[in-house]
Protein backbone atom coordinates (compact mmCIF):
# COMPACT_ATOMS: atom_id res chain seq x y z
CA MET A 1 0.00 0.00 0.00
CA SER A 2 1.47 3.31 -1.05
CA LYS A 3 1.07 6.79 0.38
CA ALA A 4 1.45 10.09 -1.42
CA SER A 5 0.64 13.74 -0.77
CA GLU A 6 0.74 16.97 -2.66
CA THR A 7 0.40 20.61 -1.67
CA TRP A 8 -0.55 23.52 -3.89
CA TYR A 9 -1.59 27.14 -3.53
CA SER A 10 -5.34 27.55 -3.99
CA GLU A 11 -6.36 30.86 -5.48
CA ARG A 12 -9.93 30.13 -4.38
CA LEU A 13 -8.88 29.84 -0.75
CA GLY A 14 -5.96 32.25 -0.74
CA ARG A 15 -3.75 29.70 1.00
CA GLU A 16 -2.06 26.34 0.51
CA ILE A 17 -4.02 23.11 0.64
CA THR A 18 -2.67 19.58 1.04
CA MET A 19 -4.23 16.36 -0.23
CA ALA A 20 -2.98 12.99 1.01
CA ARG A 21 -3.70 9.58 -0.51
CA TRP A 22 -3.35 6.01 0.77
CA GLY A 23 -3.73 2.94 -1.43
CA ASP A 24 -3.09 2.12 -5.06
CA VAL A 25 -6.28 0.89 -6.73
CA GLY A 26 -9.98 1.02 -5.94
CA THR A 27 -12.93 3.31 -5.36
CA PRO A 28 -11.81 6.80 -4.28
CA VAL A 29 -13.06 7.73 -0.80
CA LEU A 30 -12.61 11.35 0.27
CA VAL A 31 -12.48 11.37 4.08
CA PHE A 32 -12.81 14.81 5.66
CA PRO A 33 -10.97 15.61 8.90
CA THR A 34 -12.67 16.91 12.03
CA ALA A 35 -13.04 20.65 12.68
CA GLY A 36 -9.48 21.90 12.38
CA GLY A 37 -7.73 18.74 11.26
CA ASP A 38 -5.18 18.44 8.49
CA ALA A 39 -4.94 15.98 5.61
CA GLU A 40 -3.04 13.42 7.70
CA GLU A 41 -5.28 13.48 10.77
CA VAL A 42 -7.04 10.29 9.62
CA GLU A 43 -3.69 8.48 9.64
CA ARG A 44 -2.55 9.79 13.03
CA PHE A 45 -5.80 8.61 14.62
CA HIS A 46 -5.51 5.19 12.93
CA LEU A 47 -8.56 5.50 10.70
CA VAL A 48 -6.43 4.51 7.71
CA THR A 49 -5.27 1.41 9.59
CA ALA A 50 -8.90 0.57 10.41
CA VAL A 51 -9.75 0.33 6.70
CA SER A 52 -6.49 -1.31 5.64
CA GLU A 53 -8.25 -4.41 4.27
CA PHE A 54 -9.91 -2.25 1.63
CA LEU A 55 -6.58 -0.67 0.71
CA THR A 56 -4.49 -3.83 0.53
CA GLY A 57 -7.37 -5.62 -1.19
CA GLN A 58 -7.42 -2.84 -3.81
CA ARG A 59 -11.07 -2.07 -3.18
CA ALA A 60 -10.57 1.56 -2.09
CA LYS A 61 -8.15 4.46 -2.11
CA ILE A 62 -8.43 6.90 0.79
CA TYR A 63 -7.96 10.62 0.19
CA SER A 64 -8.06 13.45 2.70
CA VAL A 65 -7.55 17.22 2.63
CA ASP A 66 -6.88 19.94 5.16
CA SER A 67 -10.03 21.20 6.90
CA LEU A 68 -9.26 24.77 5.88
CA ALA A 69 -12.79 26.14 6.20
CA GLY A 70 -13.35 24.85 9.73
CA ARG A 71 -9.86 25.87 10.76
CA ALA A 72 -10.41 29.39 9.45
CA TRP A 73 -13.80 30.13 10.99
CA PHE A 74 -12.98 28.47 14.30
CA SER A 75 -9.76 30.44 14.72
CA GLU A 76 -10.24 33.61 12.69
CA ASP A 77 -13.86 34.76 12.43
CA ASN A 78 -17.00 32.75 13.14
CA SER A 79 -19.49 35.37 11.95
CA SER A 80 -22.05 33.87 9.59
CA ARG A 81 -20.94 36.26 6.85
CA VAL A 82 -17.28 35.25 6.96
CA ALA A 83 -17.87 31.58 7.78
CA GLY A 84 -20.35 31.15 4.93
CA GLU A 85 -17.99 32.81 2.48
CA ILE A 86 -15.05 30.64 3.56
CA GLN A 87 -17.16 27.48 3.45
CA ASN A 88 -18.26 28.26 -0.11
CA ARG A 89 -14.70 28.97 -1.22
CA PHE A 90 -13.65 25.67 0.36
CA ASP A 91 -16.39 23.87 -1.56
CA SER A 92 -15.25 25.52 -4.79
CA ALA A 93 -11.66 24.39 -4.17
CA LEU A 94 -12.87 20.85 -3.46
CA TYR A 95 -14.88 20.66 -6.67
CA HIS A 96 -12.51 22.48 -9.02
CA GLU A 97 -9.14 21.45 -7.55
CA VAL A 98 -9.35 18.41 -5.25
CA LEU A 99 -11.85 16.42 -7.30
CA PRO A 100 -9.84 16.79 -10.54
CA ALA A 101 -6.67 15.81 -8.64
CA ILE A 102 -8.40 12.64 -7.40
CA ARG A 103 -9.69 11.81 -10.87
CA LYS A 104 -6.24 12.39 -12.36
CA ASP A 105 -4.71 10.09 -9.75
CA CYS A 106 -7.36 7.44 -10.59
CA GLU A 107 -6.80 8.00 -14.34
CA ASP A 108 -10.54 8.42 -14.82
CA ASP A 109 -12.00 11.86 -15.59
CA GLU A 110 -15.54 10.82 -14.66
CA ILE A 111 -15.08 8.49 -11.70
CA GLU A 112 -17.54 9.07 -8.84
CA ILE A 113 -16.23 9.27 -5.30
CA LEU A 114 -17.53 8.33 -1.89
CA THR A 115 -17.33 10.96 0.83
CA ALA A 116 -16.96 10.28 4.53
CA GLY A 117 -16.22 12.14 7.72
CA ALA A 118 -16.85 12.40 11.43
CA SER A 119 -18.12 15.32 13.51
CA LEU A 120 -17.62 18.45 11.36
CA GLY A 121 -16.12 16.15 8.74
CA ALA A 122 -19.56 14.53 8.44
CA PHE A 123 -21.01 17.95 7.60
CA ASN A 124 -18.47 18.35 4.79
CA ALA A 125 -19.13 14.82 3.51
CA LEU A 126 -22.87 15.52 3.39
CA ALA A 127 -22.51 19.01 1.95
CA PHE A 128 -20.19 17.93 -0.87
CA LEU A 129 -22.54 15.15 -1.98
CA CYS A 130 -25.62 17.38 -1.72
CA ARG A 131 -23.99 20.19 -3.67
CA HIS A 132 -22.33 17.94 -6.27
CA PRO A 133 -24.35 14.79 -6.91
CA ASP A 134 -22.62 14.61 -10.30
CA ALA A 135 -19.37 13.80 -8.48
CA CYS A 136 -20.44 11.57 -5.57
CA ARG A 137 -22.31 8.29 -5.28
CA ALA A 138 -22.73 8.08 -1.49
CA ALA A 139 -21.76 9.74 1.80
CA ILE A 140 -20.86 8.11 5.13
CA CYS A 141 -21.61 10.67 7.85
CA MET A 142 -20.42 9.64 11.33
CA SER A 143 -21.44 11.44 14.53
CA GLY A 144 -22.24 14.48 12.47
CA THR A 145 -22.79 18.09 13.38
CA TYR A 146 -24.94 19.57 10.61
CA GLY A 147 -26.53 22.68 12.08
CA LEU A 148 -23.61 25.07 12.20
CA GLU A 149 -25.65 27.68 14.06
CA LYS A 150 -24.13 26.41 17.30
CA PHE A 151 -20.68 27.55 16.11
CA ILE A 152 -21.51 30.56 13.92
CA GLU A 153 -22.83 33.91 15.04
CA GLY A 154 -25.15 36.10 12.99
CA PRO A 155 -28.03 35.82 10.50
CA VAL A 156 -28.31 33.31 7.67
CA THR A 157 -26.46 35.02 4.84
CA ASN A 158 -26.70 33.99 1.20
CA ASP A 159 -23.29 32.27 1.38
CA TYR A 160 -24.23 30.44 4.56
CA TYR A 161 -27.56 29.34 3.09
CA TYR A 162 -25.90 27.70 0.08
CA SER A 163 -23.22 26.07 2.23
CA SER A 164 -25.76 24.31 4.49
CA PRO A 165 -27.78 21.31 3.21
CA LEU A 166 -30.30 21.85 5.99
CA HIS A 167 -31.06 25.22 4.46
CA PHE A 168 -30.87 24.79 0.69
CA LEU A 169 -32.24 21.26 0.23
CA PRO A 170 -35.86 22.13 1.12
CA ASP A 171 -35.90 24.77 -1.64
CA LEU A 172 -34.48 22.70 -4.51
CA ASP A 173 -36.65 22.71 -7.64
CA GLU A 174 -38.87 19.61 -7.52
CA ASP A 175 -38.42 19.06 -11.26
CA GLY A 176 -34.79 20.14 -11.45
CA ASP A 177 -31.83 18.03 -12.52
CA HIS A 178 -30.02 18.62 -9.23
CA LEU A 179 -32.72 16.97 -7.11
CA ARG A 180 -33.16 14.20 -9.68
CA ARG A 181 -29.49 13.31 -9.35
CA LEU A 182 -29.60 13.47 -5.56
CA ARG A 183 -32.43 10.95 -5.57
CA GLU A 184 -30.00 8.51 -7.19
CA ARG A 185 -27.49 8.90 -4.33
CA PHE A 186 -27.37 7.48 -0.80
CA VAL A 187 -26.54 9.00 2.59
CA ILE A 188 -25.65 6.96 5.69
CA LEU A 189 -26.13 8.90 8.94
CA CYS A 190 -24.64 7.00 11.88
CA HIS A 191 -24.03 7.98 15.47
CA GLY A 192 -23.44 6.62 18.92
CA GLU A 193 -25.52 7.51 21.94
CA GLY A 194 -22.69 7.88 24.42
CA GLN A 195 -20.85 10.93 25.71
CA TRP A 196 -20.77 14.02 23.46
CA GLU A 197 -23.00 12.42 20.82
CA ASP A 198 -26.12 14.18 19.52
CA PRO A 199 -28.41 11.69 17.73
CA GLY A 200 -30.88 14.47 17.00
CA GLU A 201 -28.48 15.88 14.42
CA SER A 202 -28.75 12.73 12.30
CA TRP A 203 -32.54 12.65 12.50
CA ARG A 204 -32.76 16.32 11.58
CA VAL A 205 -30.84 15.67 8.36
CA ALA A 206 -32.76 12.45 7.67
CA LYS A 207 -36.05 14.33 7.74
CA VAL A 208 -34.84 16.96 5.27
CA LEU A 209 -33.43 14.28 2.96
CA GLY A 210 -36.54 12.10 3.28
CA ASP A 211 -38.88 15.00 2.57
CA ARG A 212 -37.08 15.49 -0.76
CA GLY A 213 -37.01 11.78 -1.63
CA ILE A 214 -33.25 11.43 -1.20
CA PRO A 215 -32.35 7.87 -0.06
CA ASN A 216 -30.81 7.76 3.42
CA ARG A 217 -30.59 5.65 6.54
CA VAL A 218 -29.97 6.46 10.21
CA ASP A 219 -28.03 3.93 12.30
CA SER A 220 -27.56 4.15 16.06
CA TRP A 221 -24.60 2.31 17.56
CA GLY A 222 -25.80 2.56 21.15
CA GLU A 223 -24.62 4.07 24.40
CA GLU A 224 -21.24 2.33 24.42
CA HIS A 225 -20.14 4.39 21.42
CA TRP A 226 -18.95 7.89 22.26
CA HIS A 227 -18.12 10.85 20.03
CA ASP A 228 -14.60 9.56 19.56
CA TRP A 229 -12.14 8.02 17.10
CA VAL A 230 -12.68 4.58 18.62
CA THR A 231 -16.27 4.76 17.39
CA TRP A 232 -15.32 6.05 13.94
CA ARG A 233 -12.64 3.36 13.51
CA ALA A 234 -15.43 0.81 13.93
CA MET A 235 -17.96 2.62 11.75
CA LEU A 236 -15.99 3.42 8.62
CA PRO A 237 -14.90 -0.14 7.68
CA THR A 238 -18.43 -1.36 8.40
CA TYR A 239 -19.99 1.03 5.91
CA LEU A 240 -17.23 0.67 3.33
CA GLY A 241 -17.98 -3.03 3.48
CA GLU A 242 -21.64 -2.31 2.83
CA LEU A 243 -20.97 0.02 -0.10
CA LEU A 244 -17.96 -1.69 -1.65
CA GLY A 245 -18.24 -5.28 -0.49
CA THR A 246 -15.78 -7.09 1.75
CA ALA A 247 -12.51 -8.60 0.61
CA SER A 248 -13.96 -12.11 0.96
CA GLU A 249 -16.88 -11.14 -1.27
CA GLY A 250 -14.44 -9.77 -3.81
CA ASP A 251 -12.42 -12.99 -3.71
CA ALA A 252 -15.59 -15.02 -4.22
CA GLU A 253 -16.56 -12.89 -7.21
CA ASP A 254 -13.08 -13.26 -8.71
CA ALA A 255 -13.17 -17.01 -8.16
CA ALA A 256 -16.58 -17.26 -9.83
CA GLU A 257 -15.33 -15.27 -12.81
CA ASP A 258 -12.24 -17.50 -13.10
CA GLU A 259 -14.39 -20.63 -12.90
CA GLU A 260 -16.72 -19.30 -15.59
CA ALA A 261 -13.78 -18.45 -17.82
CA GLU A 262 -12.30 -21.92 -17.37
CA SER A 263 -15.68 -23.47 -18.19
CA ASP A 264 -16.00 -21.37 -21.37
CA ALA A 265 -12.48 -22.35 -22.39
CA ALA A 266 -13.23 -26.02 -21.80
CA LYS A 267 -16.38 -25.81 -23.93
CA ALA A 268 -14.48 -24.08 -26.69
CA GLY A 269 -11.79 -26.74 -26.61
CA GLY A 270 -14.33 -29.57 -26.60
């Protein structure tokens, strides 16, 4: 399993951004850090190790980027005006810079990605899928915080409105292409019920998604699972297994294909 990273200056953000990648072949999974985390946070907290079977089995490649928006509005200015603007510039950099970099690395200009994240990372995973259903096939949102009002001060500005799925999803055109594409996607909203968890956040998003006909599911992992990396290290491989299949399933499929090929060859020879 290889690891690589690259850093470039983003004109959209006015600062440098780093993208890290683990794995060689497989479905690209963009995992967002927590609030102020960097691109390698998921490795330091052993989330990459937790999904190693998908990397070594060439079923997934894990990507991550610096959480520049969260870092900026937590440390610089959390007014709704500034935070919304930064969040939208971050989204623009993700779509126009990070996504093309992932597709270039995968040698596929149209490949769809999975998004994932925990805590504020879950917000970014949800927001990127909801804003760009042309780029994503599913989102894994773990212990998410989706109503940013608890962190941001001020009225709902235009920038903030378009950065928040809870705000813009209810107003999407019923007959528009954007909502049609979203109805072909899938969102997993999972949470524990232990310390620092807020299950109501998942249900709040589920209602908005459900009201618009966007497929989703809420999973509770119970009181023994806290808002912590231990929980997320258990969740992520579980849901990657659901969306991508396990290594054993992949081996079985490969074996079946080999057996079918041998059978066809035998018939041709006979």
